[in-house]
PDB file of N, CA and C in Angstrom:
ATOM      1  N   PRO A   1     127.901  36.299  71.677  1.00  0.00           N
ATOM      2  CA  PRO A   1     126.825  36.978  72.316  1.00  0.00           C
ATOM      3  C   PRO A   1     126.977  38.449  71.442  1.00  0.00           C
ATOM      4  N   GLY A   2     125.687  38.746  71.478  1.00  0.00           N
ATOM      5  CA  GLY A   2     125.821  40.127  71.121  1.00  0.00           C
ATOM      6  C   GLY A   2     126.261  40.978  69.686  1.00  0.00           C
ATOM      7  N   THR A   3     126.156  39.750  69.028  1.00  0.00           N
ATOM      8  CA  THR A   3     126.765  40.010  67.737  1.00  0.00           C
ATOM      9  C   THR A   3     125.856  39.156  66.463  1.00  0.00           C
ATOM     10  N   GLY A   4     125.913  39.562  65.417  1.00  0.00           N
ATOM     11  CA  GLY A   4     125.687  38.392  64.260  1.00  0.00           C
ATOM     12  C   GLY A   4     124.118  39.411  64.113  1.00  0.00           C
ATOM     13  N   ALA A   5     123.890  40.644  63.768  1.00  0.00           N
ATOM     14  CA  ALA A   5     122.520  41.053  63.319  1.00  0.00           C
ATOM     15  C   ALA A   5     122.402  40.697  61.626  1.00  0.00           C
ATOM     16  N   ARG A   6     121.003  40.764  61.824  1.00  0.00           N
ATOM     17  CA  ARG A   6     120.545  39.906  60.071  1.00  0.00           C
ATOM     18  C   ARG A   6     120.810  40.761  58.925  1.00  0.00           C
ATOM     19  N   SER A   7     121.077  42.350  59.952  1.00  0.00           N
ATOM     20  CA  SER A   7     121.880  43.295  58.641  1.00  0.00           C
ATOM     21  C   SER A   7     123.088  43.238  58.406  1.00  0.00           C
ATOM     22  N   GLU A   8     124.315  42.472  59.243  1.00  0.00           N
ATOM     23  CA  GLU A   8     124.970  41.993  58.561  1.00  0.00           C
ATOM     24  C   GLU A   8     125.481  41.113  57.367  1.00  0.00           C
ATOM     25  N   THR A   9     125.724  41.211  56.367  1.00  0.00           N
ATOM     26  CA  THR A   9     125.431  40.225  55.581  1.00  0.00           C
ATOM     27  C   THR A   9     127.282  39.717  54.637  1.00  0.00           C
ATOM     28  N   GLY A  10     128.027  40.657  55.236  1.00  0.00           N
ATOM     29  CA  GLY A  10     129.026  40.544  54.587  1.00  0.00           C
ATOM     30  C   GLY A  10     129.380  40.825  53.236  1.00  0.00           C
ATOM     31  N   ALA A  11     129.258  40.227  52.151  1.00  0.00           N
ATOM     32  CA  ALA A  11     129.500  40.043  50.408  1.00  0.00           C
ATOM     33  C   ALA A  11     128.272  39.623  50.128  1.00  0.00           C
ATOM     34  N   GLY A  12     127.348  39.585  50.999  1.00  0.00           N
ATOM     35  CA  GLY A  12     126.692  38.419  51.005  1.00  0.00           C
ATOM     36  C   GLY A  12     126.336  37.375  51.289  1.00  0.00           C
ATOM     37  N   ASN A  13     127.315  36.471  51.672  1.00  0.00           N
ATOM     38  CA  ASN A  13     127.324  35.643  51.813  1.00  0.00           C
ATOM     39  C   ASN A  13     127.493  34.758  53.364  1.00  0.00           C
ATOM     40  N   VAL A  14     126.908  36.369  54.592  1.00  0.00           N
ATOM     41  CA  VAL A  14     126.965  35.655  55.630  1.00  0.00           C
ATOM     42  C   VAL A  14     125.343  36.047  55.729  1.00  0.00           C
ATOM     43  N   PHE A  15     125.068  35.076  56.798  1.00  0.00           N
ATOM     44  CA  PHE A  15     123.792  34.719  57.252  1.00  0.00           C
ATOM     45  C   PHE A  15     123.275  34.471  58.807  1.00  0.00           C
ATOM     46  N   ASN A  16     123.497  35.371  59.175  1.00  0.00           N
ATOM     47  CA  ASN A  16     122.649  35.526  60.997  1.00  0.00           C
ATOM     48  C   ASN A  16     122.000  35.313  60.570  1.00  0.00           C
ATOM     49  N   VAL A  17     120.830  34.403  61.665  1.00  0.00           N
ATOM     50  CA  VAL A  17     119.859  34.455  62.426  1.00  0.00           C
ATOM     51  C   VAL A  17     119.919  34.691  63.474  1.00  0.00           C
ATOM     52  N   PRO A  18     119.399  36.281  64.160  1.00  0.00           N
ATOM     53  CA  PRO A  18     119.563  36.369  65.497  1.00  0.00           C
ATOM     54  C   PRO A  18     118.529  35.231  65.938  1.00  0.00           C
ATOM     55  N   LEU A  19     118.335  34.988  67.349  1.00  0.00           N
ATOM     56  CA  LEU A  19     117.237  34.538  68.411  1.00  0.00           C
ATOM     57  C   LEU A  19     117.042  35.115  69.306  1.00  0.00           C
ATOM     58  N   ARG A  20     115.505  35.205  70.360  1.00  0.00           N
ATOM     59  CA  ARG A  20     115.441  36.474  70.890  1.00  0.00           C
ATOM     60  C   ARG A  20     116.233  35.169  72.681  1.00  0.00           C
ATOM     61  N   GLU A  21     116.272  36.388  73.702  1.00  0.00           N
ATOM     62  CA  GLU A  21     116.922  35.757  75.040  1.00  0.00           C
ATOM     63  C   GLU A  21     115.844  35.170  75.121  1.00  0.00           C
ATOM     64  N   ASP A  22     116.661  33.809  75.761  1.00  0.00           N
ATOM     65  CA  ASP A  22     115.310  32.418  76.125  1.00  0.00           C
ATOM     66  C   ASP A  22     115.055  31.653  75.034  1.00  0.00           C
ATOM     67  N   ASP A  23     115.237  31.927  73.775  1.00  0.00           N
ATOM     68  CA  ASP A  23     114.933  31.052  73.327  1.00  0.00           C
ATOM     69  C   ASP A  23     115.244  29.282  72.829  1.00  0.00           C
ATOM     70  N   GLY A  24     114.816  28.434  72.611  1.00  0.00           N
ATOM     71  CA  GLY A  24     115.128  27.181  73.238  1.00  0.00           C
ATOM     72  C   GLY A  24     114.962  26.001  71.479  1.00  0.00           C
ATOM     73  N   THR A  25     114.527  24.986  71.757  1.00  0.00           N
ATOM     74  CA  THR A  25     114.600  24.086  70.844  1.00  0.00           C
ATOM     75  C   THR A  25     113.796  24.206  69.763  1.00  0.00           C
ATOM     76  N   ASP A  26     112.552  24.368  69.721  1.00  0.00           N
ATOM     77  CA  ASP A  26     111.722  24.945  68.908  1.00  0.00           C
ATOM     78  C   ASP A  26     112.310  25.795  67.618  1.00  0.00           C
ATOM     79  N   GLU A  27     112.525  27.143  68.400  1.00  0.00           N
ATOM     80  CA  GLU A  27     112.818  28.593  67.791  1.00  0.00           C
ATOM     81  C   GLU A  27     114.259  27.702  67.098  1.00  0.00           C
ATOM     82  N   PHE A  28     114.833  27.318  67.617  1.00  0.00           N
ATOM     83  CA  PHE A  28     116.567  27.296  66.879  1.00  0.00           C
ATOM     84  C   PHE A  28     116.203  26.087  65.789  1.00  0.00           C
ATOM     85  N   ARG A  29     115.750  25.279  65.768  1.00  0.00           N
ATOM     86  CA  ARG A  29     115.496  24.229  64.899  1.00  0.00           C
ATOM     87  C   ARG A  29     114.556  25.202  63.700  1.00  0.00           C
ATOM     88  N   ALA A  30     113.691  25.916  64.294  1.00  0.00           N
ATOM     89  CA  ALA A  30     112.771  26.475  63.244  1.00  0.00           C
ATOM     90  C   ALA A  30     113.666  27.466  62.296  1.00  0.00           C
ATOM     91  N   ALA A  31     114.705  28.058  63.157  1.00  0.00           N
ATOM     92  CA  ALA A  31     115.028  29.222  62.314  1.00  0.00           C
ATOM     93  C   ALA A  31     116.378  28.642  61.412  1.00  0.00           C
ATOM     94  N   PHE A  32     116.652  27.416  62.011  1.00  0.00           N
ATOM     95  CA  PHE A  32     118.227  26.147  61.498  1.00  0.00           C
ATOM     96  C   PHE A  32     117.580  26.215  60.147  1.00  0.00           C
ATOM     97  N   ARG A  33     116.366  25.686  59.838  1.00  0.00           N
ATOM     98  CA  ARG A  33     115.730  24.346  58.936  1.00  0.00           C
ATOM     99  C   ARG A  33     115.151  25.905  57.948  1.00  0.00           C
ATOM    100  N   GLU A  34     114.601  27.361  58.584  1.00  0.00           N
ATOM    101  CA  GLU A  34     114.056  28.343  57.287  1.00  0.00           C
ATOM    102  C   GLU A  34     114.929  29.366  57.249  1.00  0.00           C
ATOM    103  N   ALA A  35     116.204  29.157  57.907  1.00  0.00           N
ATOM    104  CA  ALA A  35     117.104  30.573  57.492  1.00  0.00           C
ATOM    105  C   ALA A  35     118.619  29.981  57.085  1.00  0.00           C
ATOM    106  N   VAL A  36     118.745  28.616  57.641  1.00  0.00           N
ATOM    107  CA  VAL A  36     120.470  28.528  57.593  1.00  0.00           C
ATOM    108  C   VAL A  36     120.526  27.256  56.246  1.00  0.00           C
ATOM    109  N   LEU A  37     119.712  26.559  56.481  1.00  0.00           N
ATOM    110  CA  LEU A  37     119.462  25.045  55.431  1.00  0.00           C
ATOM    111  C   LEU A  37     119.407  25.737  54.074  1.00  0.00           C
ATOM    112  N   PRO A  38     118.490  26.899  54.098  1.00  0.00           N
ATOM    113  CA  PRO A  38     118.265  27.004  52.368  1.00  0.00           C
ATOM    114  C   PRO A  38     118.816  27.614  51.715  1.00  0.00           C
ATOM    115  N   PRO A  39     119.706  28.758  52.438  1.00  0.00           N
ATOM    116  CA  PRO A  39     120.812  29.058  51.468  1.00  0.00           C
ATOM    117  C   PRO A  39     122.307  28.404  51.102  1.00  0.00           C
ATOM    118  N   LEU A  40     122.255  27.661  52.721  1.00  0.00           N
ATOM    119  CA  LEU A  40     123.333  26.577  52.862  1.00  0.00           C
ATOM    120  C   LEU A  40     123.557  25.473  51.090  1.00  0.00           C
ATOM    121  N   GLU A  41     121.960  25.036  51.045  1.00  0.00           N
ATOM    122  CA  GLU A  41     121.790  24.380  49.824  1.00  0.00           C
ATOM    123  C   GLU A  41     121.936  24.780  48.697  1.00  0.00           C
ATOM    124  N   ALA A  42     121.199  26.143  48.446  1.00  0.00           N
ATOM    125  CA  ALA A  42     121.675  26.750  46.997  1.00  0.00           C
ATOM    126  C   ALA A  42     122.970  27.138  46.949  1.00  0.00           C
ATOM    127  N   PHE A  43     123.913  26.917  47.907  1.00  0.00           N
ATOM    128  CA  PHE A  43     125.159  27.388  47.755  1.00  0.00           C
ATOM    129  C   PHE A  43     126.092  26.236  46.977  1.00  0.00           C
ATOM    130  N   ARG A  44     125.120  25.050  47.518  1.00  0.00           N
ATOM    131  CA  ARG A  44     126.603  24.046  47.148  1.00  0.00           C
ATOM    132  C   ARG A  44     127.437  23.682  47.901  1.00  0.00           C
ATOM    133  N   PRO A  45     127.999  23.962  49.026  1.00  0.00           N
ATOM    134  CA  PRO A  45     129.262  24.131  49.048  1.00  0.00           C
ATOM    135  C   PRO A  45     130.220  22.868  49.069  1.00  0.00           C
ATOM    136  N   ASP A  46     131.791  22.550  48.619  1.00  0.00           N
ATOM    137  CA  ASP A  46     132.684  22.041  48.506  1.00  0.00           C
ATOM    138  C   ASP A  46     133.130  21.690  49.453  1.00  0.00           C
ATOM    139  N   LEU A  47     133.241  22.081  50.472  1.00  0.00           N
ATOM    140  CA  LEU A  47     133.219  21.529  52.192  1.00  0.00           C
ATOM    141  C   LEU A  47     132.402  22.287  52.924  1.00  0.00           C
ATOM    142  N   VAL A  48     132.394  21.946  53.996  1.00  0.00           N
ATOM    143  CA  VAL A  48     131.531  22.814  55.087  1.00  0.00           C
ATOM    144  C   VAL A  48     132.334  22.542  56.070  1.00  0.00           C
ATOM    145  N   ILE A  49     132.351  23.807  57.031  1.00  0.00           N
ATOM    146  CA  ILE A  49     133.373  24.331  58.103  1.00  0.00           C
ATOM    147  C   ILE A  49     132.223  24.550  59.110  1.00  0.00           C
ATOM    148  N   ILE A  50     132.445  23.965  59.726  1.00  0.00           N
ATOM    149  CA  ILE A  50     131.883  24.340  61.135  1.00  0.00           C
ATOM    150  C   ILE A  50     132.439  25.204  62.560  1.00  0.00           C
ATOM    151  N   SER A  51     132.176  26.086  62.764  1.00  0.00           N
ATOM    152  CA  SER A  51     132.414  27.378  63.830  1.00  0.00           C
ATOM    153  C   SER A  51     131.588  26.591  65.132  1.00  0.00           C
ATOM    154  N   ALA A  52     131.956  25.684  65.491  1.00  0.00           N
ATOM    155  CA  ALA A  52     131.274  24.741  67.045  1.00  0.00           C
ATOM    156  C   ALA A  52     131.588  25.856  67.907  1.00  0.00           C
ATOM    157  N   GLY A  53     130.443  26.967  68.176  1.00  0.00           N
ATOM    158  CA  GLY A  53     130.390  27.366  69.527  1.00  0.00           C
ATOM    159  C   GLY A  53     129.122  26.620  69.913  1.00  0.00           C
ATOM    160  N   PHE A  54     129.497  26.727  71.460  1.00  0.00           N
ATOM    161  CA  PHE A  54     128.244  26.409  72.341  1.00  0.00           C
ATOM    162  C   PHE A  54     127.775  27.081  73.685  1.00  0.00           C
ATOM    163  N   ASP A  55     127.886  28.702  73.625  1.00  0.00           N
ATOM    164  CA  ASP A  55     127.653  29.100  74.210  1.00  0.00           C
ATOM    165  C   ASP A  55     125.843  29.334  74.285  1.00  0.00           C
ATOM    166  N   ALA A  56     124.858  28.890  73.261  1.00  0.00           N
ATOM    167  CA  ALA A  56     124.034  28.834  73.125  1.00  0.00           C
ATOM    168  C   ALA A  56     122.984  27.643  74.498  1.00  0.00           C
ATOM    169  N   HIS A  57     124.202  26.924  75.242  1.00  0.00           N
ATOM    170  CA  HIS A  57     123.591  26.028  75.733  1.00  0.00           C
ATOM    171  C   HIS A  57     123.356  26.713  76.772  1.00  0.00           C
ATOM    172  N   HIS A  58     121.995  25.837  77.979  1.00  0.00           N
ATOM    173  CA  HIS A  58     121.154  26.553  78.815  1.00  0.00           C
ATOM    174  C   HIS A  58     121.865  26.644  79.871  1.00  0.00           C
ATOM    175  N   ARG A  59     123.227  26.176  80.230  1.00  0.00           N
ATOM    176  CA  ARG A  59     124.101  26.222  81.335  1.00  0.00           C
ATOM    177  C   ARG A  59     125.327  27.571  80.957  1.00  0.00           C
ATOM    178  N   ASP A  60     125.018  27.815  79.629  1.00  0.00           N
ATOM    179  CA  ASP A  60     126.038  28.901  79.588  1.00  0.00           C
ATOM    180  C   ASP A  60     125.582  29.895  80.420  1.00  0.00           C
ATOM    181  N   PRO A  61     126.317  31.166  80.917  1.00  0.00           N
ATOM    182  CA  PRO A  61     126.382  32.363  81.364  1.00  0.00           C
ATOM    183  C   PRO A  61     125.870  33.694  80.580  1.00  0.00           C
ATOM    184  N   LEU A  62     126.689  33.530  79.577  1.00  0.00           N
ATOM    185  CA  LEU A  62     126.488  34.612  78.478  1.00  0.00           C
ATOM    186  C   LEU A  62     125.805  34.323  77.593  1.00  0.00           C
ATOM    187  N   GLY A  63     125.219  33.031  76.581  1.00  0.00           N
ATOM    188  CA  GLY A  63     124.582  32.728  75.834  1.00  0.00           C
ATOM    189  C   GLY A  63     123.171  33.218  75.387  1.00  0.00           C
ATOM    190  N   GLY A  64     122.447  33.183  76.479  1.00  0.00           N
ATOM    191  CA  GLY A  64     121.209  33.665  76.810  1.00  0.00           C
ATOM    192  C   GLY A  64     120.168  32.952  76.198  1.00  0.00           C
ATOM    193  N   LEU A  65     120.612  31.498  75.397  1.00  0.00           N
ATOM    194  CA  LEU A  65     119.844  30.969  74.939  1.00  0.00           C
ATOM    195  C   LEU A  65     119.835  29.546  75.858  1.00  0.00           C
ATOM    196  N   ASN A  66     118.727  28.454  75.388  1.00  0.00           N
ATOM    197  CA  ASN A  66     117.948  27.348  76.213  1.00  0.00           C
ATOM    198  C   ASN A  66     117.921  26.416  74.962  1.00  0.00           C
ATOM    199  N   LEU A  67     119.822  26.266  74.900  1.00  0.00           N
ATOM    200  CA  LEU A  67     119.770  25.264  73.695  1.00  0.00           C
ATOM    201  C   LEU A  67     120.306  23.769  74.693  1.00  0.00           C
ATOM    202  N   THR A  68     120.344  22.641  74.772  1.00  0.00           N
ATOM    203  CA  THR A  68     120.609  21.205  74.870  1.00  0.00           C
ATOM    204  C   THR A  68     121.356  20.656  74.231  1.00  0.00           C
ATOM    205  N   GLU A  69     122.223  19.549  74.737  1.00  0.00           N
ATOM    206  CA  GLU A  69     122.532  18.674  73.851  1.00  0.00           C
ATOM    207  C   GLU A  69     122.126  18.091  72.484  1.00  0.00           C
ATOM    208  N   ALA A  70     120.850  17.939  72.692  1.00  0.00           N
ATOM    209  CA  ALA A  70     120.410  16.645  71.843  1.00  0.00           C
ATOM    210  C   ALA A  70     119.819  18.364  70.222  1.00  0.00           C
ATOM    211  N   ASP A  71     120.195  19.782  70.933  1.00  0.00           N
ATOM    212  CA  ASP A  71     120.164  20.836  69.565  1.00  0.00           C
ATOM    213  C   ASP A  71     121.162  20.851  68.880  1.00  0.00           C
ATOM    214  N   PHE A  72     122.206  20.169  69.579  1.00  0.00           N
ATOM    215  CA  PHE A  72     123.798  20.464  69.081  1.00  0.00           C
ATOM    216  C   PHE A  72     124.051  19.043  68.013  1.00  0.00           C
ATOM    217  N   ASP A  73     123.167  18.026  68.486  1.00  0.00           N
ATOM    218  CA  ASP A  73     123.481  16.990  68.170  1.00  0.00           C
ATOM    219  C   ASP A  73     122.655  17.126  66.753  1.00  0.00           C
ATOM    220  N   TRP A  74     121.341  17.633  66.681  1.00  0.00           N
ATOM    221  CA  TRP A  74     120.652  17.484  65.677  1.00  0.00           C
ATOM    222  C   TRP A  74     120.886  18.473  64.211  1.00  0.00           C
ATOM    223  N   ALA A  75     121.821  19.574  64.965  1.00  0.00           N
ATOM    224  CA  ALA A  75     122.411  20.477  64.039  1.00  0.00           C
ATOM    225  C   ALA A  75     123.345  20.154  63.195  1.00  0.00           C
ATOM    226  N   THR A  76     124.296  19.561  64.348  1.00  0.00           N
ATOM    227  CA  THR A  76     125.913  18.481  63.738  1.00  0.00           C
ATOM    228  C   THR A  76     124.861  17.154  62.570  1.00  0.00           C
ATOM    229  N   GLY A  77     123.878  16.797  62.414  1.00  0.00           N
ATOM    230  CA  GLY A  77     123.403  15.814  61.808  1.00  0.00           C
ATOM    231  C   GLY A  77     122.737  16.612  60.294  1.00  0.00           C
ATOM    232  N   GLN A  78     122.361  18.087  60.639  1.00  0.00           N
ATOM    233  CA  GLN A  78     121.627  18.716  59.651  1.00  0.00           C
ATOM    234  C   GLN A  78     122.761  19.175  58.319  1.00  0.00           C
ATOM    235  N   LEU A  79     123.927  19.191  59.298  1.00  0.00           N
ATOM    236  CA  LEU A  79     125.136  19.731  58.293  1.00  0.00           C
ATOM    237  C   LEU A  79     125.937  18.293  57.519  1.00  0.00           C
ATOM    238  N   LEU A  80     125.957  17.413  58.272  1.00  0.00           N
ATOM    239  CA  LEU A  80     126.571  16.037  57.818  1.00  0.00           C
ATOM    240  C   LEU A  80     125.868  15.902  56.739  1.00  0.00           C
ATOM    241  N   GLU A  81     124.659  15.987  56.849  1.00  0.00           N
ATOM    242  CA  GLU A  81     123.746  15.703  55.680  1.00  0.00           C
ATOM    243  C   GLU A  81     123.936  16.632  54.245  1.00  0.00           C
ATOM    244  N   VAL A  82     124.151  17.882  54.652  1.00  0.00           N
ATOM    245  CA  VAL A  82     124.481  19.008  53.590  1.00  0.00           C
ATOM    246  C   VAL A  82     125.957  18.668  52.772  1.00  0.00           C
ATOM    247  N   ALA A  83     126.646  18.252  53.553  1.00  0.00           N
ATOM    248  CA  ALA A  83     128.262  17.777  53.534  1.00  0.00           C
ATOM    249  C   ALA A  83     128.291  16.842  52.385  1.00  0.00           C
ATOM    250  N   SER A  84     127.251  15.758  52.842  1.00  0.00           N
ATOM    251  CA  SER A  84     126.816  14.160  51.754  1.00  0.00           C
ATOM    252  C   SER A  84     126.259  14.502  50.623  1.00  0.00           C
ATOM    253  N   ARG A  85     125.317  15.249  50.527  1.00  0.00           N
ATOM    254  CA  ARG A  85     125.261  15.796  49.453  1.00  0.00           C
ATOM    255  C   ARG A  85     125.456  16.544  48.396  1.00  0.00           C
ATOM    256  N   HIS A  86     126.443  17.508  48.966  1.00  0.00           N
ATOM    257  CA  HIS A  86     127.362  18.525  47.985  1.00  0.00           C
ATOM    258  C   HIS A  86     128.546  18.495  47.915  1.00  0.00           C
ATOM    259  N   ALA A  87     129.387  17.821  49.453  1.00  0.00           N
ATOM    260  CA  ALA A  87     130.403  18.133  49.743  1.00  0.00           C
ATOM    261  C   ALA A  87     131.686  17.083  49.421  1.00  0.00           C
ATOM    262  N   GLY A  88     130.918  15.863  49.245  1.00  0.00           N
ATOM    263  CA  GLY A  88     131.253  14.960  49.321  1.00  0.00           C
ATOM    264  C   GLY A  88     131.762  14.490  50.729  1.00  0.00           C
ATOM    265  N   ASP A  89     131.142  14.532  51.420  1.00  0.00           N
ATOM    266  CA  ASP A  89     131.155  13.775  52.923  1.00  0.00           C
ATOM    267  C   ASP A  89     132.482  14.926  53.781  1.00  0.00           C
ATOM    268  N   ARG A  90     132.920  16.055  52.628  1.00  0.00           N
ATOM    269  CA  ARG A  90     134.015  17.184  53.540  1.00  0.00           C
ATOM    270  C   ARG A  90     133.550  17.745  54.693  1.00  0.00           C
ATOM    271  N   LEU A  91     133.928  17.986  55.649  1.00  0.00           N
ATOM    272  CA  LEU A  91     133.318  18.962  56.707  1.00  0.00           C
ATOM    273  C   LEU A  91     134.597  18.548  57.614  1.00  0.00           C
ATOM    274  N   VAL A  92     134.763  19.877  58.185  1.00  0.00           N
ATOM    275  CA  VAL A  92     135.032  20.215  59.230  1.00  0.00           C
ATOM    276  C   VAL A  92     134.820  20.928  60.425  1.00  0.00           C
ATOM    277  N   SER A  93     135.346  20.794  61.440  1.00  0.00           N
ATOM    278  CA  SER A  93     134.891  20.929  63.158  1.00  0.00           C
ATOM    279  C   SER A  93     135.586  21.727  63.365  1.00  0.00           C
ATOM    280  N   LEU A  94     135.752  23.118  63.888  1.00  0.00           N
ATOM    281  CA  LEU A  94     136.605  23.891  64.576  1.00  0.00           C
ATOM    282  C   LEU A  94     135.522  24.308  66.050  1.00  0.00           C
ATOM    283  N   LEU A  95     136.183  24.081  66.997  1.00  0.00           N
ATOM    284  CA  LEU A  95     135.715  24.495  68.750  1.00  0.00           C
ATOM    285  C   LEU A  95     136.193  25.792  68.913  1.00  0.00           C
ATOM    286  N   GLU A  96     135.043  26.600  69.331  1.00  0.00           N
ATOM    287  CA  GLU A  96     134.385  28.119  69.483  1.00  0.00           C
ATOM    288  C   GLU A  96     134.211  28.002  70.793  1.00  0.00           C
ATOM    289  N   GLY A  97     133.415  29.086  71.270  1.00  0.00           N
ATOM    290  CA  GLY A  97     132.757  29.211  72.765  1.00  0.00           C
ATOM    291  C   GLY A  97     132.058  27.988  73.280  1.00  0.00           C
ATOM    292  N   GLY A  98     131.955  28.210  74.394  1.00  0.00           N
ATOM    293  CA  GLY A  98     131.237  27.814  75.116  1.00  0.00           C
ATOM    294  C   GLY A  98     131.937  27.925  76.806  1.00  0.00           C
ATOM    295  N   TYR A  99     131.054  28.892  77.761  1.00  0.00           N
ATOM    296  CA  TYR A  99     131.726  29.081  79.101  1.00  0.00           C
ATOM    297  C   TYR A  99     131.402  28.636  79.961  1.00  0.00           C
ATOM    298  N   ASP A 100     130.521  27.460  79.912  1.00  0.00           N
ATOM    299  CA  ASP A 100     129.857  26.872  81.154  1.00  0.00           C
ATOM    300  C   ASP A 100     131.032  25.619  81.467  1.00  0.00           C
ATOM    301  N   LEU A 101     131.543  25.279  81.815  1.00  0.00           N
ATOM    302  CA  LEU A 101     132.588  23.604  81.693  1.00  0.00           C
ATOM    303  C   LEU A 101     131.864  22.593  81.261  1.00  0.00           C
ATOM    304  N   GLN A 102     130.608  22.426  82.644  1.00  0.00           N
ATOM    305  CA  GLN A 102     129.863  21.194  82.286  1.00  0.00           C
ATOM    306  C   GLN A 102     128.946  21.039  81.034  1.00  0.00           C
ATOM    307  N   GLY A 103     128.606  21.923  80.584  1.00  0.00           N
ATOM    308  CA  GLY A 103     127.819  22.715  79.571  1.00  0.00           C
ATOM    309  C   GLY A 103     128.639  22.144  77.931  1.00  0.00           C
ATOM    310  N   LEU A 104     129.428  22.857  77.973  1.00  0.00           N
ATOM    311  CA  LEU A 104     130.550  22.699  76.998  1.00  0.00           C
ATOM    312  C   LEU A 104     131.069  21.236  76.602  1.00  0.00           C
ATOM    313  N   GLY A 105     131.510  20.922  77.938  1.00  0.00           N
ATOM    314  CA  GLY A 105     131.575  19.224  77.779  1.00  0.00           C
ATOM    315  C   GLY A 105     130.465  18.444  77.307  1.00  0.00           C
ATOM    316  N   ARG A 106     129.488  18.262  77.934  1.00  0.00           N
ATOM    317  CA  ARG A 106     128.332  17.683  77.101  1.00  0.00           C
ATOM    318  C   ARG A 106     128.277  17.615  75.795  1.00  0.00           C
ATOM    319  N   SER A 107     128.232  19.407  75.494  1.00  0.00           N
ATOM    320  CA  SER A 107     127.584  19.293  73.979  1.00  0.00           C
ATOM    321  C   SER A 107     128.855  19.288  72.919  1.00  0.00           C
ATOM    322  N   VAL A 108     129.909  19.371  73.344  1.00  0.00           N
ATOM    323  CA  VAL A 108     131.236  18.602  72.768  1.00  0.00           C
ATOM    324  C   VAL A 108     130.842  17.587  72.418  1.00  0.00           C
ATOM    325  N   ALA A 109     131.262  16.811  73.548  1.00  0.00           N
ATOM    326  CA  ALA A 109     130.817  15.586  73.342  1.00  0.00           C
ATOM    327  C   ALA A 109     129.531  14.951  72.271  1.00  0.00           C
ATOM    328  N   SER A 110     127.935  15.627  72.319  1.00  0.00           N
ATOM    329  CA  SER A 110     127.226  15.440  71.810  1.00  0.00           C
ATOM    330  C   SER A 110     127.738  15.537  70.377  1.00  0.00           C
ATOM    331  N   HIS A 111     128.355  16.765  70.049  1.00  0.00           N
ATOM    332  CA  HIS A 111     128.411  17.173  68.309  1.00  0.00           C
ATOM    333  C   HIS A 111     129.574  16.128  67.987  1.00  0.00           C
ATOM    334  N   VAL A 112     130.689  15.864  68.844  1.00  0.00           N
ATOM    335  CA  VAL A 112     131.748  14.694  68.315  1.00  0.00           C
ATOM    336  C   VAL A 112     131.227  13.463  67.878  1.00  0.00           C
ATOM    337  N   LYS A 113     130.401  12.832  68.844  1.00  0.00           N
ATOM    338  CA  LYS A 113     129.913  11.512  68.827  1.00  0.00           C
ATOM    339  C   LYS A 113     128.795  11.648  67.393  1.00  0.00           C
ATOM    340  N   ARG A 114     128.193  12.763  67.064  1.00  0.00           N
ATOM    341  CA  ARG A 114     127.601  12.418  66.123  1.00  0.00           C
ATOM    342  C   ARG A 114     128.666  12.995  64.673  1.00  0.00           C
ATOM    343  N   LEU A 115     129.490  13.371  64.854  1.00  0.00           N
ATOM    344  CA  LEU A 115     130.461  13.530  63.605  1.00  0.00           C
ATOM    345  C   LEU A 115     131.086  12.165  63.561  1.00  0.00           C
ATOM    346  N   MET A 116     131.151  11.153  64.274  1.00  0.00           N
ATOM    347  CA  MET A 116     131.284  10.255  64.222  1.00  0.00           C
ATOM    348  C   MET A 116     131.121   8.764  63.742  1.00  0.00           C
ATOM    349  N   ILE A 117     129.397   9.069  64.037  1.00  0.00           N
ATOM    350  CA  ILE A 117     128.576   8.243  63.703  1.00  0.00           C
ATOM    351  C   ILE A 117     128.088   8.441  62.653  1.00  0.00           C
ATOM    352  N   GLY A 118     128.024   9.723  62.203  1.00  0.00           N
ATOM    353  CA  GLY A 118     127.047  10.581  60.926  1.00  0.00           C
ATOM    354  C   GLY A 118     126.140  10.219  61.324  1.00  0.00           C
TER     355      GLY A 118
END
């Protein structure tokens, strides 16, 4: 929370997509479809690495967003599709943040279930 300004681009390989406080499913999915997936598809990764943070969950006291387990499931599915098209299904997921244990547990379960079923 509080990091990831659109102007922070690294060496041209960082795409931050800031959302407004209280944004939820519609805003998140639109931003993901419009600002995350196109450069990822253009890059054609050999490996997809997910930094799986869940502090955007609506129960989280720090994130300020209103995402649900279904949103994390959906995003995971989108990244699995990219990995299938470009990376021979190679995908690694690393657990990052989430500060409400109930929201974190549910979100991680949804994410891992999607990883398992594809």
